[in-house]
Amino acid sequence: MRKKKSCREKLADAKDLPKVVTITPGMRKQWGTGTVVIPAPAEVDEIMKRVPKGKLITINHIREILARRHGATIGCPITTGLFARIAAGASEEDEDHGKK
């Protein structure tokens, strides 16, 4: 049985990301035309870490930053949300181990 990966391990596993892909015909109804950036998990974490304590950033704002950074039309809402949750989980794991 395989050991479940920690959020910290998932955050470090970039695979082949980030990548910018053309929005397919099946996605156009929901996302429009152009390109979508699928971010790396660490990128989402880095953006979240820049938010000052007591301030808020939305997933949509993170997506806008990613799209500008990569010259894409939009940032992927699905992976950005998933990676934000992984980043939050990694932060909780760090806190559990006494890190700030």
C-alpha atoms as a PDB file:
ATOM      1  CA  MET A   1       0.000   0.000   0.000  1.00  0.00           C
ATOM      2  CA  ARG A   2       1.361   3.400  -1.004  1.00  0.00           C
ATOM      3  CA  LYS A   3       1.921   6.070   1.599  1.00  0.00           C
ATOM      4  CA  LYS A   4      -0.336   9.091   1.152  1.00  0.00           C
ATOM      5  CA  LYS A   5       1.586  12.188   0.027  1.00  0.00           C
ATOM      6  CA  SER A   6       1.651  15.137   2.380  1.00  0.00           C
ATOM      7  CA  CYS A   7       0.480  18.534   1.178  1.00  0.00           C
ATOM      8  CA  ARG A   8       4.104  19.692   1.355  1.00  0.00           C
ATOM      9  CA  GLU A   9       5.083  16.857  -1.031  1.00  0.00           C
ATOM     10  CA  LYS A  10       2.185  17.678  -3.368  1.00  0.00           C
ATOM     11  CA  LEU A  11       3.210  21.333  -3.364  1.00  0.00           C
ATOM     12  CA  ALA A  12       6.747  20.417  -4.459  1.00  0.00           C
ATOM     13  CA  ASP A  13       5.535  18.107  -7.250  1.00  0.00           C
ATOM     14  CA  ALA A  14       5.337  20.418 -10.267  1.00  0.00           C
ATOM     15  CA  LYS A  15       5.117  17.593 -12.830  1.00  0.00           C
ATOM     16  CA  ASP A  16       5.279  19.437 -16.184  1.00  0.00           C
ATOM     17  CA  LEU A  17       3.598  22.609 -14.932  1.00  0.00           C
ATOM     18  CA  PRO A  18       3.121  25.478 -15.536  1.00  0.00           C
ATOM     19  CA  LYS A  19       1.886  25.244 -19.081  1.00  0.00           C
ATOM     20  CA  VAL A  20      -0.264  27.383 -21.336  1.00  0.00           C
ATOM     21  CA  VAL A  21      -2.740  25.594 -23.590  1.00  0.00           C
ATOM     22  CA  THR A  22      -5.344  26.684 -26.109  1.00  0.00           C
ATOM     23  CA  ILE A  23      -8.907  26.687 -24.830  1.00  0.00           C
ATOM     24  CA  THR A  24     -10.594  23.766 -26.588  1.00  0.00           C
ATOM     25  CA  PRO A  25     -13.986  23.997 -28.298  1.00  0.00           C
ATOM     26  CA  GLY A  26     -15.539  22.076 -25.400  1.00  0.00           C
ATOM     27  CA  MET A  27     -14.291  24.664 -22.883  1.00  0.00           C
ATOM     28  CA  ARG A  28     -15.226  27.740 -24.945  1.00  0.00           C
ATOM     29  CA  LYS A  29     -18.826  27.937 -23.742  1.00  0.00           C
ATOM     30  CA  GLN A  30     -17.643  28.342 -20.166  1.00  0.00           C
ATOM     31  CA  TRP A  31     -14.249  30.043 -20.602  1.00  0.00           C
ATOM     32  CA  GLY A  32     -14.393  31.849 -23.946  1.00  0.00           C
ATOM     33  CA  THR A  33     -11.562  31.767 -26.471  1.00  0.00           C
ATOM     34  CA  GLY A  34      -7.830  32.152 -26.107  1.00  0.00           C
ATOM     35  CA  THR A  35      -5.419  30.359 -23.812  1.00  0.00           C
ATOM     36  CA  VAL A  36      -5.466  29.046 -20.258  1.00  0.00           C
ATOM     37  CA  VAL A  37      -2.488  28.719 -17.927  1.00  0.00           C
ATOM     38  CA  ILE A  38      -2.365  25.635 -15.751  1.00  0.00           C
ATOM     39  CA  PRO A  39      -0.122  26.780 -12.901  1.00  0.00           C
ATOM     40  CA  ALA A  40       2.425  24.866 -10.880  1.00  0.00           C
ATOM     41  CA  PRO A  41       1.392  24.271  -7.269  1.00  0.00           C
ATOM     42  CA  ALA A  42       4.387  26.225  -5.931  1.00  0.00           C
ATOM     43  CA  GLU A  43       3.383  29.259  -8.026  1.00  0.00           C
ATOM     44  CA  VAL A  44       0.002  29.463  -6.345  1.00  0.00           C
ATOM     45  CA  ASP A  45       1.708  29.088  -2.947  1.00  0.00           C
ATOM     46  CA  GLU A  46       4.173  31.871  -3.774  1.00  0.00           C
ATOM     47  CA  ILE A  47       1.354  34.272  -4.695  1.00  0.00           C
ATOM     48  CA  MET A  48      -0.552  33.401  -1.529  1.00  0.00           C
ATOM     49  CA  LYS A  49       2.544  33.964   0.637  1.00  0.00           C
ATOM     50  CA  ARG A  50       2.881  37.532  -0.699  1.00  0.00           C
ATOM     51  CA  VAL A  51      -0.510  38.513   0.733  1.00  0.00           C
ATOM     52  CA  PRO A  52       0.066  40.633   3.853  1.00  0.00           C
ATOM     53  CA  LYS A  53      -1.199  39.269   7.152  1.00  0.00           C
ATOM     54  CA  GLY A  54      -4.811  40.299   7.707  1.00  0.00           C
ATOM     55  CA  LYS A  55      -5.451  40.840   3.982  1.00  0.00           C
ATOM     56  CA  LEU A  56      -7.432  38.682   1.561  1.00  0.00           C
ATOM     57  CA  ILE A  57      -6.826  37.414  -1.950  1.00  0.00           C
ATOM     58  CA  THR A  58      -9.438  35.594  -4.002  1.00  0.00           C
ATOM     59  CA  ILE A  59      -8.926  32.647  -6.315  1.00  0.00           C
ATOM     60  CA  ASN A  60     -10.013  34.900  -9.182  1.00  0.00           C
ATOM     61  CA  HIS A  61      -7.315  37.440  -8.315  1.00  0.00           C
ATOM     62  CA  ILE A  62      -4.705  34.659  -8.156  1.00  0.00           C
ATOM     63  CA  ARG A  63      -5.922  33.479 -11.579  1.00  0.00           C
ATOM     64  CA  GLU A  64      -5.537  37.006 -12.993  1.00  0.00           C
ATOM     65  CA  ILE A  65      -1.956  37.234 -11.679  1.00  0.00           C
ATOM     66  CA  LEU A  66      -1.115  33.843 -13.193  1.00  0.00           C
ATOM     67  CA  ALA A  67      -2.658  34.732 -16.567  1.00  0.00           C
ATOM     68  CA  ARG A  68      -0.677  37.994 -16.752  1.00  0.00           C
ATOM     69  CA  ARG A  69       2.535  36.267 -15.654  1.00  0.00           C
ATOM     70  CA  HIS A  70       2.232  33.666 -18.434  1.00  0.00           C
ATOM     71  CA  GLY A  71       0.618  35.782 -21.153  1.00  0.00           C
ATOM     72  CA  ALA A  72      -2.547  33.677 -21.105  1.00  0.00           C
ATOM     73  CA  THR A  73      -6.149  34.766 -21.469  1.00  0.00           C
ATOM     74  CA  ILE A  74      -7.195  33.146 -18.178  1.00  0.00           C
ATOM     75  CA  GLY A  75      -5.835  31.115 -15.277  1.00  0.00           C
ATOM     76  CA  CYS A  76      -7.368  27.680 -14.800  1.00  0.00           C
ATOM     77  CA  PRO A  77     -10.029  27.926 -12.076  1.00  0.00           C
ATOM     78  CA  ILE A  78      -9.915  24.225 -11.229  1.00  0.00           C
ATOM     79  CA  THR A  79      -6.183  23.722 -10.713  1.00  0.00           C
ATOM     80  CA  THR A  80      -5.737  27.137  -9.110  1.00  0.00           C
ATOM     81  CA  GLY A  81      -8.378  26.263  -6.516  1.00  0.00           C
ATOM     82  CA  LEU A  82      -6.941  22.803  -5.905  1.00  0.00           C
ATOM     83  CA  PHE A  83      -3.418  24.142  -5.550  1.00  0.00           C
ATOM     84  CA  ALA A  84      -4.587  26.892  -3.172  1.00  0.00           C
ATOM     85  CA  ARG A  85      -6.070  24.164  -0.948  1.00  0.00           C
ATOM     86  CA  ILE A  86      -2.818  22.177  -1.132  1.00  0.00           C
ATOM     87  CA  ALA A  87      -0.827  25.322  -0.240  1.00  0.00           C
ATOM     88  CA  ALA A  88      -3.089  25.925   2.764  1.00  0.00           C
ATOM     89  CA  GLY A  89      -2.661  22.302   3.835  1.00  0.00           C
ATOM     90  CA  ALA A  90       1.125  22.568   3.519  1.00  0.00           C
ATOM     91  CA  SER A  91       1.035  25.675   5.690  1.00  0.00           C
ATOM     92  CA  GLU A  92      -0.970  23.775   8.317  1.00  0.00           C
ATOM     93  CA  GLU A  93       1.544  20.918   8.191  1.00  0.00           C
ATOM     94  CA  ASP A  94       4.399  23.374   8.670  1.00  0.00           C
ATOM     95  CA  GLU A  95       2.611  24.927  11.633  1.00  0.00           C
ATOM     96  CA  ASP A  96       2.091  21.468  13.146  1.00  0.00           C
ATOM     97  CA  HIS A  97       5.867  20.985  12.923  1.00  0.00           C
ATOM     98  CA  GLY A  98       6.610  24.296  14.655  1.00  0.00           C
ATOM     99  CA  LYS A  99       7.379  26.342  11.529  1.00  0.00           C
ATOM    100  CA  LYS A 100       5.939  29.787  10.851  1.00  0.00           C
END
